[in-house]
Amino acid sequence: MSTNRVAENQYFVTCYKADTTPDKMGKNITLINADPTSFSKLSRIMSETKFSNIFIVMDEMEDARYVLKNIALINTKMRVVLVNQWDDDEIGKEQENITIVHAAALLAAHLYDQLPNVPLVAQNVGLGQGEIMEVHIPFGSSYAYRHIGSILQRKWKIAALYRDEKQILPTNATMIKPNDTLLILGKPLVLDGVYRTINKRMGLFPEPFGKNIYLLLDFRHDKEQALQYLQESLYLVEKLEEKSLFVRVIYPNDFQVLDVLKSYESENVTISIHYQNDDIKQLVEYDIHEYNIGLVMNSIPTFEAEDLKETLYNLKKLVYLFGTKTLMNIQTSIILMSENEKMESISSTAFDITETLGLTLTLADFDPEGDFESRAITVEHYETLTHIFNMEINIEQKIANPIRELGKLENILQITPFEDRLNTVGIKKLISSKIQDFILTTDKHPKLLVPFAITEG
C-alpha cells in the first residue's frame, strides 16, 4: 500500500556532485543538475514547478544552511524535511514549517524497537494493515480551518491532533489548522480516501462534506419550478471540477414535466424517480451515501417536509436553498455575523464557494447595538484567511437591524451556519433580530447552510 503511494508521486532531485544518483531511476523521478545553494538556480527551479514538500539531504552542514535560507526567501509556506546528520541541534530551528529528522536518533529508534519487552511504535500497533494513520494538514487543505465537529466521521475517527510538538485530544470545537498532524483510525480503505481528501487543495467544493451534488424535487412543492431548479443545479455542476449531479424526484404527478427533466440526463447527470410515498427519509439517506453527496439542493418547503431538515443536519451535509433570485444572477456571497465559533467554522467553505463561483465575499457585521468589538477576533480570523487563500473580502460594519439590511440587498448568496433549529414560532419571531430565526421565512435570496461544530459542555 505504501509502495503504491510512493510510486504515484513525482520527484525532482537536485544535485551538483557526480555519482550522487544511480544510473537507473524510475519514470517519476526527474534529475536536475544544479547547485541548490545558489539562490537564483533554486528560485528558477521552484518557479517552474509547484512542489508540496522539499527534502534536504546534504553532506555538508554549511550547504544545508544556505539551502534553508534560499527556501525561506522563496516560499515561507513550503513544508521542508531536513535530515540532520551533524552534531548540531540548532540548524533549521529558526525555519517555519520544518520537520527535522535526526539521523542518529532515527537509527537508535529502530534499534530500540528490536529490544525485548519494549512497546512497538504506532505503525506496528493494531492489525498493522493501515487502520492507524498519521496525516499532515498542508496549507490550502480542504480540512484546514474546520472544526472537527463539522466533519462527518463515518467509519473513521480523528483520535488525536498534534500541534507545536504537543498532543491535543480534540473535541467537536477543536479547529484544525495548517501544519497540524492528525492521528486517524478506521478501515484502511476509508482512511486512504480521507488521506486524499485532506491533501486536496481548496477549490474542490463541496468537499470535504462529500463529492457530488444532489437535487431533491418534491412535486408537491416544486413542480412549477422544477426545470428552473434543475438548470441552477446544472450551472453549479459546470462550475465545479469533475462532479456529478443526481436528481431525485419524489411524489411525481406530472409526466410531461418528468419527460422534460429526463431529457437532461447525461454522463454526469442522473434523473431518478421515486413512485412510492413512504420511506422518503430512508431513500434520501441511501442516495446520499450511495452517490457520495456533499451538497443537497432543494426548496424551502421541500427542506421542511419529510424530516429532511433533521436528516441533513445529522448527516452534516451542505444545503443549498433556492431563492426567487437564481444562482446564475448572483454577484456577491454574504455572511451575516453571529456567534464567533459558528462564523469561524463556516469560513473555509465561504471562501471556497465564493472562489468557485467567481463572486465577491462580504462579511457583514450589522448590529443594532453597535457592539463590533465583541466580534473583532472573528474579523481577524477572516482577514487572516484572505492572505492564506489569496482572496479579498469586504468587511462592512453598520449599526442596523441585520434582517432589514439583508432585505435591501440584491443578487446575493447568503452563507449561514446550519442550525438544528432554524426558525422560531409565535410572537418571538416578530421581535427577534437573530438571523437564524428568519432563514426559512423568506425565499428572496438563495442560501447555503454550512454544518458547524457544537461546543461540548
Foldseek 3Di string as FASTA:
>chain_A
DVVVVVVPAAEEAEDADPPPDDPDDDPRYHYDHDQLLDLVVVLVVCVVDPDQEEEDDDDDLVSVLSNQVSCCVRDLQHAYEYEDADPDPPPPPVHPNYHYHDPVVVVVLVVVQPDPPDDHDDCPPDPNPQQKDKAAQGQQALQALAFQLLEDADQKDFQWKADPNDIDRHDSLDGHHHGIMTIMGGDRVVVVVVRVNSPDGFQQPPPPLWREEEEEAECVPCLVCVVVLVVLRVVLVVLHDPYAYEYEYEPDDDVVSVVVVVVPDDPRYHYYYDDDDPPPLVVVVCVCVVRGHQEYEYALVVCPPPCNLVSCLVSSHKYKHAFPDGLVQAAEEEEEDDDLSFLSNCLSVQVRVCVSSVHAYEYEDEALVQPCVVNVVSVVSNVVVCVSVVHDYHYHYYNHLVVVVVVVDPRYEYEGESDSQQADDDPCLVPDSDNSNCPSVHRHHMYMYGYHGDDDD
